[in-house]
C-alpha atoms as a PDB file:
ATOM      1  CA  MET A   1      24.865  -3.050  -1.626  1.00  0.00           C
ATOM      2  CA  LYS A   2      23.494  -4.439   1.647  1.00  0.00           C
ATOM      3  CA  LYS A   3      19.722  -4.533   1.604  1.00  0.00           C
ATOM      4  CA  LEU A   4      18.845  -6.691   4.633  1.00  0.00           C
ATOM      5  CA  TYR A   5      18.338  -4.782   7.898  1.00  0.00           C
ATOM      6  CA  PRO A   6      17.908  -6.304  11.368  1.00  0.00           C
ATOM      7  CA  ASP A   7      14.480  -4.786  12.117  1.00  0.00           C
ATOM      8  CA  ALA A   8      11.843  -2.365  10.857  1.00  0.00           C
ATOM      9  CA  ILE A   9      12.995   0.601  12.868  1.00  0.00           C
ATOM     10  CA  THR A  10      16.517   0.330  11.499  1.00  0.00           C
ATOM     11  CA  ALA A  11      15.236  -0.208   7.939  1.00  0.00           C
ATOM     12  CA  LEU A  12      13.226   3.011   8.072  1.00  0.00           C
ATOM     13  CA  GLU A  13      16.041   5.079   9.562  1.00  0.00           C
ATOM     14  CA  GLY A  14      16.478   8.254   7.510  1.00  0.00           C
ATOM     15  CA  ALA A  15      13.514   7.439   5.292  1.00  0.00           C
ATOM     16  CA  LEU A  16      10.763   8.970   7.379  1.00  0.00           C
ATOM     17  CA  ARG A  17       9.750  12.616   7.792  1.00  0.00           C
ATOM     18  CA  ASN A  18       6.567  14.568   8.495  1.00  0.00           C
ATOM     19  CA  ASP A  19       4.119  15.298   5.690  1.00  0.00           C
ATOM     20  CA  MET A  20       5.356  12.601   3.313  1.00  0.00           C
ATOM     21  CA  LEU A  21       3.442  10.471   0.848  1.00  0.00           C
ATOM     22  CA  ILE A  22       3.630   6.719   1.497  1.00  0.00           C
ATOM     23  CA  ALA A  23       2.452   4.009  -0.940  1.00  0.00           C
ATOM     24  CA  CYS A  24       1.452   0.980   1.021  1.00  0.00           C
ATOM     25  CA  GLY A  25       0.636  -2.511  -0.234  1.00  0.00           C
ATOM     26  CA  GLY A  26      -2.135  -4.724   1.073  1.00  0.00           C
ATOM     27  CA  PHE A  27      -5.821  -5.430   0.659  1.00  0.00           C
ATOM     28  CA  GLY A  28      -7.768  -5.304   3.858  1.00  0.00           C
ATOM     29  CA  LEU A  29      -5.599  -7.375   6.197  1.00  0.00           C
ATOM     30  CA  CYS A  30      -4.140  -9.464   3.392  1.00  0.00           C
ATOM     31  CA  GLY A  31      -0.499  -8.682   2.558  1.00  0.00           C
ATOM     32  CA  ILE A  32      -0.118  -5.598   4.761  1.00  0.00           C
ATOM     33  CA  PRO A  33       3.448  -4.654   5.923  1.00  0.00           C
ATOM     34  CA  GLU A  34       2.565  -4.967   9.654  1.00  0.00           C
ATOM     35  CA  ARG A  35       6.088  -4.595  11.110  1.00  0.00           C
ATOM     36  CA  LEU A  36       6.912  -1.568   8.941  1.00  0.00           C
ATOM     37  CA  LEU A  37       3.625   0.187   9.749  1.00  0.00           C
ATOM     38  CA  ASP A  38       4.240  -0.398  13.485  1.00  0.00           C
ATOM     39  CA  ALA A  39       7.653   1.222  13.078  1.00  0.00           C
ATOM     40  CA  VAL A  40       6.129   4.218  11.262  1.00  0.00           C
ATOM     41  CA  ARG A  41       3.717   4.640  14.180  1.00  0.00           C
ATOM     42  CA  ASP A  42       6.455   4.311  16.760  1.00  0.00           C
ATOM     43  CA  SER A  43       8.621   6.915  14.933  1.00  0.00           C
ATOM     44  CA  GLY A  44       6.086   9.624  15.732  1.00  0.00           C
ATOM     45  CA  VAL A  45       6.023  11.226  12.246  1.00  0.00           C
ATOM     46  CA  THR A  46       2.801  13.098  11.467  1.00  0.00           C
ATOM     47  CA  GLY A  47       0.873  14.694   8.595  1.00  0.00           C
ATOM     48  CA  LEU A  48       1.182  11.531   6.493  1.00  0.00           C
ATOM     49  CA  THR A  49      -0.655  10.831   3.240  1.00  0.00           C
ATOM     50  CA  PHE A  50      -1.164   7.134   2.530  1.00  0.00           C
ATOM     51  CA  ALA A  51      -1.939   5.784  -0.976  1.00  0.00           C
ATOM     52  CA  SER A  52      -3.418   2.384  -0.125  1.00  0.00           C
ATOM     53  CA  ASN A  53      -6.386   0.326  -1.182  1.00  0.00           C
ATOM     54  CA  ASN A  54      -7.898   0.893   2.264  1.00  0.00           C
ATOM     55  CA  ALA A  55      -6.979   1.492   5.905  1.00  0.00           C
ATOM     56  CA  GLY A  56      -7.829  -2.033   7.055  1.00  0.00           C
ATOM     57  CA  ILE A  57      -9.838  -2.261  10.256  1.00  0.00           C
ATOM     58  CA  ASP A  58      -9.678  -0.477  13.574  1.00  0.00           C
ATOM     59  CA  ASN A  59      -6.261  -0.698  15.181  1.00  0.00           C
ATOM     60  CA  GLU A  60      -4.662  -2.931  12.538  1.00  0.00           C
ATOM     61  CA  GLY A  61      -2.180  -1.805   9.852  1.00  0.00           C
ATOM     62  CA  ILE A  62      -2.788   1.818   8.829  1.00  0.00           C
ATOM     63  CA  GLY A  63      -5.697   1.807  11.323  1.00  0.00           C
ATOM     64  CA  LYS A  64      -3.084   2.016  14.086  1.00  0.00           C
ATOM     65  CA  LEU A  65      -1.749   5.253  12.644  1.00  0.00           C
ATOM     66  CA  LEU A  66      -5.286   6.661  12.383  1.00  0.00           C
ATOM     67  CA  ARG A  67      -5.680   5.973  16.098  1.00  0.00           C
ATOM     68  CA  THR A  68      -2.556   8.041  16.845  1.00  0.00           C
ATOM     69  CA  ARG A  69      -3.634  10.875  14.490  1.00  0.00           C
ATOM     70  CA  GLN A  70      -0.544  10.505  12.285  1.00  0.00           C
ATOM     71  CA  VAL A  71      -2.480  10.349   8.996  1.00  0.00           C
ATOM     72  CA  LYS A  72      -3.893  13.493   7.449  1.00  0.00           C
ATOM     73  CA  LYS A  73      -5.015  12.068   4.095  1.00  0.00           C
ATOM     74  CA  MET A  74      -5.930   8.720   2.575  1.00  0.00           C
ATOM     75  CA  ILE A  75      -5.917   7.986  -1.190  1.00  0.00           C
ATOM     76  CA  SER A  76      -8.118   4.924  -1.147  1.00  0.00           C
ATOM     77  CA  SER A  77     -10.524   2.675  -3.051  1.00  0.00           C
ATOM     78  CA  TYR A  78     -12.471   1.294  -0.132  1.00  0.00           C
ATOM     79  CA  VAL A  79     -13.386   3.215   2.975  1.00  0.00           C
ATOM     80  CA  GLY A  80     -15.473   0.746   4.979  1.00  0.00           C
ATOM     81  CA  GLU A  81     -14.811  -1.545   7.952  1.00  0.00           C
ATOM     82  CA  ASN A  82     -12.921   1.092   9.921  1.00  0.00           C
ATOM     83  CA  LYS A  83     -15.000   3.045  12.421  1.00  0.00           C
ATOM     84  CA  GLU A  84     -12.134   5.421  13.321  1.00  0.00           C
ATOM     85  CA  PHE A  85     -11.561   6.168   9.639  1.00  0.00           C
ATOM     86  CA  GLU A  86     -15.304   6.966   9.353  1.00  0.00           C
ATOM     87  CA  ARG A  87     -15.348   9.129  12.494  1.00  0.00           C
ATOM     88  CA  GLN A  88     -12.315  11.176  11.463  1.00  0.00           C
ATOM     89  CA  TYR A  89     -13.628  11.701   7.924  1.00  0.00           C
ATOM     90  CA  PHE A  90     -17.086  12.927   9.008  1.00  0.00           C
ATOM     91  CA  SER A  91     -15.569  15.168  11.676  1.00  0.00           C
ATOM     92  CA  GLY A  92     -13.235  16.754   9.122  1.00  0.00           C
ATOM     93  CA  GLU A  93     -10.077  15.443  10.721  1.00  0.00           C
ATOM     94  CA  LEU A  94      -9.151  13.231   7.781  1.00  0.00           C
ATOM     95  CA  GLU A  95      -9.018  14.088   4.107  1.00  0.00           C
ATOM     96  CA  VAL A  96     -10.057  11.325   1.725  1.00  0.00           C
ATOM     97  CA  GLU A  97      -9.352  11.130  -1.981  1.00  0.00           C
ATOM     98  CA  PHE A  98     -11.565   8.352  -3.292  1.00  0.00           C
ATOM     99  CA  CYS A  99      -9.988   6.508  -6.187  1.00  0.00           C
ATOM    100  CA  PRO A 100     -11.520   3.499  -8.014  1.00  0.00           C
ATOM    101  CA  GLN A 101      -9.564   0.371  -7.347  1.00  0.00           C
ATOM    102  CA  GLY A 102      -8.238  -0.273 -10.889  1.00  0.00           C
ATOM    103  CA  THR A 103      -7.412   3.419 -11.252  1.00  0.00           C
ATOM    104  CA  LEU A 104      -5.434   3.387  -8.005  1.00  0.00           C
ATOM    105  CA  ALA A 105      -3.418   0.385  -9.118  1.00  0.00           C
ATOM    106  CA  GLU A 106      -2.713   2.024 -12.489  1.00  0.00           C
ATOM    107  CA  ARG A 107      -1.752   5.333 -10.853  1.00  0.00           C
ATOM    108  CA  MET A 108       0.840   3.463  -8.787  1.00  0.00           C
ATOM    109  CA  ARG A 109       2.036   1.517 -11.813  1.00  0.00           C
ATOM    110  CA  ALA A 110       2.228   4.708 -13.863  1.00  0.00           C
ATOM    111  CA  GLY A 111       4.312   6.425 -11.141  1.00  0.00           C
ATOM    112  CA  GLY A 112       6.687   3.495 -11.125  1.00  0.00           C
ATOM    113  CA  ALA A 113       7.078   3.703 -14.905  1.00  0.00           C
ATOM    114  CA  GLY A 114       7.671   7.477 -14.828  1.00  0.00           C
ATOM    115  CA  ILE A 115       4.325   8.229 -16.459  1.00  0.00           C
ATOM    116  CA  PRO A 116       2.849  11.488 -15.041  1.00  0.00           C
ATOM    117  CA  GLY A 117      -0.739  10.851 -16.157  1.00  0.00           C
ATOM    118  CA  PHE A 118      -3.168   8.787 -18.223  1.00  0.00           C
ATOM    119  CA  TYR A 119      -6.759   8.910 -19.430  1.00  0.00           C
ATOM    120  CA  THR A 120      -9.459   6.511 -18.304  1.00  0.00           C
ATOM    121  CA  LYS A 121     -13.212   6.166 -18.694  1.00  0.00           C
ATOM    122  CA  THR A 122     -13.597   5.027 -15.049  1.00  0.00           C
ATOM    123  CA  GLY A 123     -15.360   7.722 -13.099  1.00  0.00           C
ATOM    124  CA  VAL A 124     -16.605   9.793 -16.031  1.00  0.00           C
ATOM    125  CA  GLY A 125     -19.763  11.605 -15.045  1.00  0.00           C
ATOM    126  CA  THR A 126     -19.338  10.873 -11.317  1.00  0.00           C
ATOM    127  CA  LEU A 127     -17.872  12.642  -8.295  1.00  0.00           C
ATOM    128  CA  VAL A 128     -14.542  10.989  -9.138  1.00  0.00           C
ATOM    129  CA  ALA A 129     -14.284  13.228 -12.199  1.00  0.00           C
ATOM    130  CA  GLU A 130     -14.781  16.519 -10.358  1.00  0.00           C
ATOM    131  CA  GLY A 131     -11.926  18.931 -10.926  1.00  0.00           C
ATOM    132  CA  LYS A 132     -10.169  16.687 -13.427  1.00  0.00           C
ATOM    133  CA  GLU A 133      -9.441  17.322 -17.064  1.00  0.00           C
ATOM    134  CA  VAL A 134     -11.867  15.624 -19.506  1.00  0.00           C
ATOM    135  CA  LYS A 135     -10.790  14.780 -23.035  1.00  0.00           C
ATOM    136  CA  SER A 136     -12.677  13.152 -25.853  1.00  0.00           C
ATOM    137  CA  PHE A 137     -11.243  10.221 -27.863  1.00  0.00           C
ATOM    138  CA  ASN A 138     -13.268   8.794 -30.735  1.00  0.00           C
ATOM    139  CA  GLY A 139     -16.366  10.568 -29.454  1.00  0.00           C
ATOM    140  CA  GLU A 140     -16.092   9.284 -25.870  1.00  0.00           C
ATOM    141  CA  ASP A 141     -15.048  11.152 -22.764  1.00  0.00           C
ATOM    142  CA  TYR A 142     -12.093  10.179 -20.598  1.00  0.00           C
ATOM    143  CA  ILE A 143     -10.717  11.778 -17.441  1.00  0.00           C
ATOM    144  CA  LEU A 144      -7.085  12.484 -16.668  1.00  0.00           C
ATOM    145  CA  GLU A 145      -5.652  10.644 -13.690  1.00  0.00           C
ATOM    146  CA  ARG A 146      -2.208  11.401 -12.392  1.00  0.00           C
ATOM    147  CA  GLY A 147       0.531   8.838 -11.586  1.00  0.00           C
ATOM    148  CA  ILE A 148       1.456   8.450  -7.935  1.00  0.00           C
ATOM    149  CA  PHE A 149       5.065   9.340  -7.132  1.00  0.00           C
ATOM    150  CA  ALA A 150       5.549   8.411  -3.466  1.00  0.00           C
ATOM    151  CA  ASP A 151       8.342   9.349  -1.113  1.00  0.00           C
ATOM    152  CA  LEU A 152       8.301   5.822   0.382  1.00  0.00           C
ATOM    153  CA  SER A 153       6.884   2.407  -0.471  1.00  0.00           C
ATOM    154  CA  LEU A 154       6.025  -0.109   2.236  1.00  0.00           C
ATOM    155  CA  VAL A 155       5.511  -3.634   0.995  1.00  0.00           C
ATOM    156  CA  LYS A 156       4.800  -7.128   2.386  1.00  0.00           C
ATOM    157  CA  ALA A 157       6.137 -10.213   0.497  1.00  0.00           C
ATOM    158  CA  TRP A 158       6.453 -13.932   0.998  1.00  0.00           C
ATOM    159  CA  ARG A 159      10.028 -14.570  -0.015  1.00  0.00           C
ATOM    160  CA  ALA A 160      13.052 -12.627  -1.259  1.00  0.00           C
ATOM    161  CA  ASP A 161      16.664 -13.344  -2.045  1.00  0.00           C
ATOM    162  CA  THR A 162      19.579 -11.371  -0.682  1.00  0.00           C
ATOM    163  CA  THR A 163      19.686  -9.087  -3.745  1.00  0.00           C
ATOM    164  CA  GLY A 164      16.052  -7.963  -3.245  1.00  0.00           C
ATOM    165  CA  ASN A 165      14.267 -10.099  -5.867  1.00  0.00           C
ATOM    166  CA  VAL A 166      10.801 -10.658  -4.431  1.00  0.00           C
ATOM    167  CA  VAL A 167       8.005 -13.267  -4.668  1.00  0.00           C
ATOM    168  CA  PHE A 168       4.498 -12.560  -3.387  1.00  0.00           C
ATOM    169  CA  ARG A 169       2.249 -15.359  -2.251  1.00  0.00           C
ATOM    170  CA  LYS A 170      -1.156 -15.766  -3.920  1.00  0.00           C
ATOM    171  CA  THR A 171      -3.638 -12.950  -3.147  1.00  0.00           C
ATOM    172  CA  ALA A 172      -1.085 -11.108  -0.969  1.00  0.00           C
ATOM    173  CA  ARG A 173       0.389  -9.900  -4.240  1.00  0.00           C
ATOM    174  CA  ASN A 174      -2.599  -7.470  -4.568  1.00  0.00           C
ATOM    175  CA  PHE A 175      -1.405  -3.845  -4.417  1.00  0.00           C
ATOM    176  CA  ASN A 176       2.073  -4.696  -3.214  1.00  0.00           C
ATOM    177  CA  GLN A 177       3.748  -4.926  -6.615  1.00  0.00           C
ATOM    178  CA  PRO A 178       2.561  -1.562  -8.023  1.00  0.00           C
ATOM    179  CA  ALA A 179       3.031   0.165  -4.645  1.00  0.00           C
ATOM    180  CA  ALA A 180       6.643  -1.049  -4.530  1.00  0.00           C
ATOM    181  CA  THR A 181       7.564   0.532  -7.844  1.00  0.00           C
ATOM    182  CA  CYS A 182       6.272   4.041  -7.308  1.00  0.00           C
ATOM    183  CA  GLY A 183       8.299   5.075  -4.243  1.00  0.00           C
ATOM    184  CA  LYS A 184      11.700   6.819  -4.184  1.00  0.00           C
ATOM    185  CA  VAL A 185      12.657   4.302  -1.458  1.00  0.00           C
ATOM    186  CA  CYS A 186      11.082   0.862  -1.244  1.00  0.00           C
ATOM    187  CA  VAL A 187      11.225  -1.153   1.992  1.00  0.00           C
ATOM    188  CA  VAL A 188       9.976  -4.719   1.899  1.00  0.00           C
ATOM    189  CA  GLU A 189       9.190  -7.009   4.821  1.00  0.00           C
ATOM    190  CA  VAL A 190       9.282 -10.686   3.970  1.00  0.00           C
ATOM    191  CA  GLU A 191       8.592 -14.007   5.658  1.00  0.00           C
ATOM    192  CA  GLU A 192      11.833 -15.616   4.424  1.00  0.00           C
ATOM    193  CA  ILE A 193      15.177 -14.607   2.895  1.00  0.00           C
ATOM    194  CA  VAL A 194      16.927 -17.095   0.642  1.00  0.00           C
ATOM    195  CA  PRO A 195      20.384 -16.979  -1.026  1.00  0.00           C
ATOM    196  CA  ALA A 196      20.803 -15.192  -4.336  1.00  0.00           C
ATOM    197  CA  GLY A 197      20.180 -17.565  -7.257  1.00  0.00           C
ATOM    198  CA  THR A 198      17.705 -19.690  -5.284  1.00  0.00           C
ATOM    199  CA  LEU A 199      14.515 -18.191  -6.789  1.00  0.00           C
ATOM    200  CA  ASP A 200      13.270 -19.278 -10.162  1.00  0.00           C
ATOM    201  CA  PRO A 201      13.808 -16.208 -12.417  1.00  0.00           C
ATOM    202  CA  ASP A 202      10.387 -16.817 -14.072  1.00  0.00           C
ATOM    203  CA  SER A 203       8.662 -16.688 -10.720  1.00  0.00           C
ATOM    204  CA  ILE A 204      10.006 -13.322  -9.501  1.00  0.00           C
ATOM    205  CA  HIS A 205       7.250 -10.723  -9.215  1.00  0.00           C
ATOM    206  CA  LEU A 206       9.353  -7.712  -8.233  1.00  0.00           C
ATOM    207  CA  HIS A 207      12.931  -7.321  -9.285  1.00  0.00           C
ATOM    208  CA  GLY A 208      15.654  -6.240  -6.898  1.00  0.00           C
ATOM    209  CA  VAL A 209      16.315  -2.987  -8.762  1.00  0.00           C
ATOM    210  CA  TYR A 210      13.134  -1.588  -7.123  1.00  0.00           C
ATOM    211  CA  VAL A 211      14.034  -2.705  -3.605  1.00  0.00           C
ATOM    212  CA  GLN A 212      16.438  -0.669  -1.406  1.00  0.00           C
ATOM    213  CA  ARG A 213      15.817  -2.210   2.039  1.00  0.00           C
ATOM    214  CA  MET A 214      14.371  -5.427   3.506  1.00  0.00           C
ATOM    215  CA  ILE A 215      13.539  -6.988   6.842  1.00  0.00           C
ATOM    216  CA  VAL A 216      12.307 -10.402   7.923  1.00  0.00           C
ATOM    217  CA  GLY A 217       8.968  -9.866   9.696  1.00  0.00           C
ATOM    218  CA  ALA A 218       7.970 -13.444  10.498  1.00  0.00           C
ATOM    219  CA  PRO A 219       6.353 -15.000  12.441  1.00  0.00           C
ATOM    220  CA  TYR A 220       2.903 -13.598  11.820  1.00  0.00           C
ATOM    221  CA  ASP A 221      -0.554 -14.178  13.285  1.00  0.00           C
ATOM    222  CA  LYS A 222      -3.303 -14.792  10.801  1.00  0.00           C
ATOM    223  CA  LYS A 223      -5.788 -11.935  11.252  1.00  0.00           C
ATOM    224  CA  ILE A 224      -9.354 -12.205   9.971  1.00  0.00           C
ATOM    225  CA  GLU A 225     -11.613  -9.255   9.290  1.00  0.00           C
ATOM    226  CA  PHE A 226     -14.872 -11.140   9.708  1.00  0.00           C
ATOM    227  CA  ARG A 227     -15.099 -14.522  11.272  1.00  0.00           C
ATOM    228  CA  THR A 228     -18.185 -16.303   9.924  1.00  0.00           C
ATOM    229  CA  VAL A 229     -19.189 -19.709  11.230  1.00  0.00           C
ATOM    230  CA  ARG A 230     -22.154 -21.941  10.590  1.00  0.00           C
ATOM    231  CA  GLU A 231     -24.780 -21.932  13.351  1.00  0.00           C
ATOM    232  CA  ARG A 232     -24.918 -25.155  15.302  1.00  0.00           C
ATOM    233  CA  GLU A 233     -28.004 -27.155  14.398  1.00  0.00           C
ATOM    234  CA  ALA A 234     -30.324 -28.164  17.192  1.00  0.00           C
ATOM    235  CA  ALA A 235     -29.824 -31.732  18.357  1.00  0.00           C
END
């Protein structure tokens, strides 16, 4: 089965439609599938729900799709650093399902493992628990969280072989691995493709059985959310 496609637009052909749920890897601007998100924007699909740690910053990553009003709902852990996100939320244009970070990762992992739900103490007694089933175990309350079963997974990786085995680089691993497993179709953009058998089997983070399509997205510009420098001392 051929998994490598020439570009992001071709790789997403037939996988996009209006009102779909997309699981997206990345943490801020670290490990976001930039080329794939640009292709989603350019496709013109609307009414999208994104399950992602956050929407990055204005006009980067998912932030680009907020600008074009293609996102109707975010399932996120962190909702700061994006003024357009904030504006749309407070104006009622964007629905937000706030989900604690560890819970979001586990919801994706659960979906990838075919688990429809699990109980957790995180969020008990807070707004996170509103409308959710509460069950007591050994005298302590837990809330029911549901696994995320996405229509499409968009993932950014460092290196992959031609069969789709994937290696993430350092902190760019973040939400990419669980996001990759919970989608019906998983599309990965990588910096480098190597021949099958090249990767150390013990170093593979995501096995090719989860990956249907891949593109090479390099080269990339290193984007920084906040540039902090030391003030120059007076001479």
